[in-house]
Amino acid sequence: MCLGVPGKIIDRYEANGLPMGKIDFGGTVREACLAYVPEAVVGDYTVIHVGFAISRLSEEEAQATLETLRGIIELEEEIGPEHAEQG
């Protein structure tokens, strides 16, 4: 399964001719390429997939998605990963 995770752009810069950004995922910061969302600016939320920002989204959409992801993690912790893989 592939998963795109929302994060907030906290810095934007260029590296090797590509627009790049530092993305905050609730305290964890990672680098991502912003070439697919050239209009994205510091403060925007983006969906990051394998190191690339693939779309912009509102803060409300980002928070709702993050809440869903937290719920999935909590459920897996509650039932155990061996049960989550069945089905």
N, C-alpha and C. Protein backbone atom coordinates (compact mmCIF):
# COMPACT_ATOMS: atom_id res chain seq x y z
N MET A 1 0.85 -1.18 0.00
CA MET A 1 0.00 0.00 0.00
C MET A 1 0.89 1.24 0.00
N CYS A 2 0.53 2.21 -0.78
CA CYS A 2 1.24 3.48 -0.82
C CYS A 2 0.46 4.50 -0.02
N LEU A 3 1.18 5.42 0.58
CA LEU A 3 0.52 6.38 1.44
C LEU A 3 1.14 7.76 1.24
N GLY A 4 0.31 8.74 1.00
CA GLY A 4 0.75 10.13 0.98
C GLY A 4 0.37 10.74 2.31
N VAL A 5 1.30 11.46 2.92
CA VAL A 5 1.09 12.02 4.25
C VAL A 5 1.13 13.54 4.19
N PRO A 6 0.17 14.22 4.81
CA PRO A 6 0.19 15.68 4.81
C PRO A 6 1.28 16.23 5.71
N GLY A 7 1.90 17.30 5.24
CA GLY A 7 2.89 18.01 6.03
C GLY A 7 2.86 19.48 5.67
N LYS A 8 3.46 20.29 6.54
CA LYS A 8 3.46 21.74 6.36
C LYS A 8 4.84 22.19 5.88
N ILE A 9 4.87 23.00 4.83
CA ILE A 9 6.13 23.53 4.33
C ILE A 9 6.62 24.60 5.30
N ILE A 10 7.82 24.38 5.85
CA ILE A 10 8.38 25.35 6.79
C ILE A 10 9.59 26.09 6.21
N ASP A 11 10.10 25.62 5.08
CA ASP A 11 11.20 26.30 4.39
C ASP A 11 11.14 25.88 2.93
N ARG A 12 11.51 26.80 2.07
CA ARG A 12 11.52 26.54 0.63
C ARG A 12 12.84 27.06 0.08
N TYR A 13 13.48 26.25 -0.78
CA TYR A 13 14.78 26.61 -1.33
C TYR A 13 15.01 25.84 -2.63
N GLU A 14 16.11 26.09 -3.27
CA GLU A 14 16.44 25.38 -4.50
C GLU A 14 17.69 24.55 -4.27
N ALA A 15 17.69 23.33 -4.80
CA ALA A 15 18.86 22.44 -4.72
C ALA A 15 19.01 21.72 -6.06
N ASN A 16 20.16 21.85 -6.66
CA ASN A 16 20.43 21.22 -7.96
C ASN A 16 19.38 21.59 -9.01
N GLY A 17 18.91 22.82 -8.97
CA GLY A 17 17.95 23.31 -9.94
C GLY A 17 16.50 22.91 -9.67
N LEU A 18 16.25 22.24 -8.53
CA LEU A 18 14.89 21.81 -8.20
C LEU A 18 14.35 22.58 -7.00
N PRO A 19 13.05 22.92 -7.04
CA PRO A 19 12.45 23.53 -5.85
C PRO A 19 12.30 22.47 -4.76
N MET A 20 12.80 22.77 -3.59
CA MET A 20 12.77 21.83 -2.47
C MET A 20 12.15 22.51 -1.27
N GLY A 21 11.76 21.70 -0.30
CA GLY A 21 11.21 22.25 0.92
C GLY A 21 11.51 21.38 2.11
N LYS A 22 11.51 22.01 3.27
CA LYS A 22 11.54 21.26 4.52
C LYS A 22 10.09 21.16 4.96
N ILE A 23 9.67 19.93 5.23
CA ILE A 23 8.27 19.65 5.53
C ILE A 23 8.16 19.16 6.96
N ASP A 24 7.26 19.77 7.72
CA ASP A 24 7.03 19.40 9.11
C ASP A 24 5.83 18.45 9.19
N PHE A 25 6.10 17.26 9.70
CA PHE A 25 5.05 16.26 9.92
C PHE A 25 4.77 16.16 11.42
N GLY A 26 4.30 17.23 12.02
CA GLY A 26 3.98 17.20 13.44
C GLY A 26 5.19 17.04 14.33
N GLY A 27 6.29 17.69 13.98
CA GLY A 27 7.49 17.63 14.79
C GLY A 27 8.65 16.91 14.13
N THR A 28 8.36 16.08 13.17
CA THR A 28 9.40 15.41 12.38
C THR A 28 9.54 16.19 11.08
N VAL A 29 10.77 16.62 10.77
CA VAL A 29 11.00 17.42 9.58
C VAL A 29 11.79 16.60 8.57
N ARG A 30 11.31 16.60 7.34
CA ARG A 30 11.96 15.89 6.24
C ARG A 30 12.03 16.82 5.03
N GLU A 31 12.91 16.49 4.11
CA GLU A 31 13.06 17.24 2.88
C GLU A 31 12.18 16.60 1.80
N ALA A 32 11.60 17.44 0.94
CA ALA A 32 10.79 16.93 -0.17
C ALA A 32 10.97 17.84 -1.38
N CYS A 33 10.82 17.25 -2.54
CA CYS A 33 10.87 18.00 -3.79
C CYS A 33 9.50 18.65 -4.03
N LEU A 34 9.51 19.92 -4.41
CA LEU A 34 8.27 20.66 -4.64
C LEU A 34 7.99 20.90 -6.13
N ALA A 35 8.68 20.19 -7.01
CA ALA A 35 8.55 20.43 -8.45
C ALA A 35 7.12 20.23 -8.96
N TYR A 36 6.38 19.30 -8.35
CA TYR A 36 5.01 19.03 -8.82
C TYR A 36 3.99 20.03 -8.29
N VAL A 37 4.40 20.86 -7.33
CA VAL A 37 3.51 21.90 -6.79
C VAL A 37 4.28 23.23 -6.74
N PRO A 38 4.64 23.75 -7.91
CA PRO A 38 5.50 24.95 -7.94
C PRO A 38 4.86 26.17 -7.27
N GLU A 39 3.55 26.17 -7.15
CA GLU A 39 2.86 27.31 -6.54
C GLU A 39 2.87 27.25 -5.01
N ALA A 40 3.33 26.15 -4.43
CA ALA A 40 3.34 25.98 -2.97
C ALA A 40 4.34 26.93 -2.32
N VAL A 41 3.93 27.50 -1.19
CA VAL A 41 4.76 28.45 -0.45
C VAL A 41 4.87 28.01 1.00
N VAL A 42 5.81 28.62 1.72
CA VAL A 42 5.96 28.35 3.15
C VAL A 42 4.61 28.59 3.84
N GLY A 43 4.21 27.64 4.66
CA GLY A 43 2.92 27.72 5.35
C GLY A 43 1.85 26.85 4.72
N ASP A 44 2.04 26.47 3.45
CA ASP A 44 1.08 25.58 2.78
C ASP A 44 1.22 24.16 3.30
N TYR A 45 0.12 23.43 3.24
CA TYR A 45 0.14 21.99 3.53
C TYR A 45 0.17 21.25 2.20
N THR A 46 0.96 20.20 2.15
CA THR A 46 1.07 19.40 0.94
C THR A 46 0.99 17.93 1.30
N VAL A 47 0.61 17.13 0.32
CA VAL A 47 0.65 15.67 0.50
C VAL A 47 2.00 15.22 -0.03
N ILE A 48 2.75 14.52 0.81
CA ILE A 48 4.08 14.04 0.44
C ILE A 48 4.02 12.54 0.22
N HIS A 49 4.57 12.12 -0.92
CA HIS A 49 4.64 10.69 -1.25
C HIS A 49 6.04 10.41 -1.77
N VAL A 50 6.74 9.51 -1.14
CA VAL A 50 8.12 9.11 -1.47
C VAL A 50 9.02 10.30 -1.79
N GLY A 51 8.96 11.33 -0.95
CA GLY A 51 9.86 12.47 -1.08
C GLY A 51 9.43 13.55 -2.04
N PHE A 52 8.22 13.44 -2.58
CA PHE A 52 7.70 14.45 -3.51
C PHE A 52 6.38 14.99 -3.00
N ALA A 53 6.24 16.31 -3.04
CA ALA A 53 4.94 16.94 -2.77
C ALA A 53 4.10 16.73 -4.02
N ILE A 54 2.94 16.10 -3.87
CA ILE A 54 2.13 15.78 -5.05
C ILE A 54 0.87 16.62 -5.16
N SER A 55 0.48 17.30 -4.08
CA SER A 55 -0.67 18.19 -4.15
C SER A 55 -0.69 19.09 -2.92
N ARG A 56 -1.39 20.21 -3.07
CA ARG A 56 -1.62 21.10 -1.92
C ARG A 56 -2.97 20.77 -1.34
N LEU A 57 -3.15 21.08 -0.06
CA LEU A 57 -4.45 20.93 0.56
C LEU A 57 -4.58 21.95 1.67
N SER A 58 -5.81 22.17 2.09
CA SER A 58 -6.07 23.15 3.13
C SER A 58 -5.61 22.61 4.48
N GLU A 59 -5.44 23.50 5.42
CA GLU A 59 -5.07 23.08 6.78
C GLU A 59 -6.14 22.17 7.36
N GLU A 60 -7.40 22.45 7.07
CA GLU A 60 -8.50 21.63 7.58
C GLU A 60 -8.42 20.20 7.03
N GLU A 61 -8.16 20.09 5.72
CA GLU A 61 -8.01 18.76 5.10
C GLU A 61 -6.81 18.03 5.68
N ALA A 62 -5.71 18.75 5.87
CA ALA A 62 -4.50 18.13 6.43
C ALA A 62 -4.77 17.62 7.83
N GLN A 63 -5.41 18.42 8.67
CA GLN A 63 -5.68 18.01 10.05
C GLN A 63 -6.64 16.82 10.10
N ALA A 64 -7.64 16.81 9.24
CA ALA A 64 -8.58 15.69 9.20
C ALA A 64 -7.87 14.40 8.80
N THR A 65 -6.99 14.49 7.81
CA THR A 65 -6.24 13.31 7.37
C THR A 65 -5.31 12.83 8.47
N LEU A 66 -4.62 13.76 9.12
CA LEU A 66 -3.71 13.37 10.22
C LEU A 66 -4.48 12.71 11.36
N GLU A 67 -5.67 13.20 11.65
CA GLU A 67 -6.49 12.59 12.69
C GLU A 67 -6.88 11.16 12.31
N THR A 68 -7.22 10.95 11.05
CA THR A 68 -7.54 9.60 10.58
C THR A 68 -6.33 8.68 10.72
N LEU A 69 -5.16 9.17 10.34
CA LEU A 69 -3.94 8.38 10.46
C LEU A 69 -3.64 8.04 11.92
N ARG A 70 -3.84 9.01 12.82
CA ARG A 70 -3.65 8.73 14.26
C ARG A 70 -4.60 7.64 14.73
N GLY A 71 -5.83 7.68 14.25
CA GLY A 71 -6.80 6.66 14.63
C GLY A 71 -6.39 5.27 14.14
N ILE A 72 -5.84 5.19 12.95
CA ILE A 72 -5.36 3.91 12.42
C ILE A 72 -4.22 3.39 13.28
N ILE A 73 -3.30 4.26 13.63
CA ILE A 73 -2.17 3.85 14.47
C ILE A 73 -2.65 3.37 15.84
N GLU A 74 -3.59 4.10 16.43
CA GLU A 74 -4.12 3.71 17.74
C GLU A 74 -4.83 2.36 17.65
N LEU A 75 -5.58 2.14 16.58
CA LEU A 75 -6.28 0.87 16.40
C LEU A 75 -5.29 -0.27 16.26
N GLU A 76 -4.25 -0.07 15.47
CA GLU A 76 -3.24 -1.10 15.30
C GLU A 76 -2.55 -1.42 16.62
N GLU A 77 -2.28 -0.40 17.41
CA GLU A 77 -1.66 -0.62 18.72
C GLU A 77 -2.60 -1.40 19.64
N GLU A 78 -3.88 -1.11 19.53
CA GLU A 78 -4.88 -1.77 20.38
C GLU A 78 -5.07 -3.24 20.01
N ILE A 79 -5.17 -3.53 18.70
CA ILE A 79 -5.46 -4.91 18.29
C ILE A 79 -4.20 -5.70 17.96
N GLY A 80 -3.08 -5.00 17.78
CA GLY A 80 -1.83 -5.66 17.45
C GLY A 80 -1.66 -5.78 15.95
N PRO A 81 -0.43 -5.62 15.47
CA PRO A 81 -0.19 -5.63 14.02
C PRO A 81 -0.50 -6.98 13.38
N GLU A 82 -0.40 -8.08 14.13
CA GLU A 82 -0.69 -9.39 13.52
C GLU A 82 -2.16 -9.51 13.12
N HIS A 83 -3.06 -8.84 13.84
CA HIS A 83 -4.48 -8.86 13.48
C HIS A 83 -4.80 -7.86 12.37
N ALA A 84 -4.06 -6.76 12.32
CA ALA A 84 -4.32 -5.73 11.31
C ALA A 84 -3.96 -6.23 9.92
N GLU A 85 -3.01 -7.17 9.81
CA GLU A 85 -2.58 -7.67 8.51
C GLU A 85 -3.55 -8.69 7.93
N GLN A 86 -4.38 -9.28 8.75
CA GLN A 86 -5.35 -10.26 8.26
C GLN A 86 -6.53 -9.55 7.62
N GLY A 87 -7.16 -10.19 6.68
CA GLY A 87 -8.37 -9.60 6.16
C GLY A 87 -8.39 -9.46 4.76
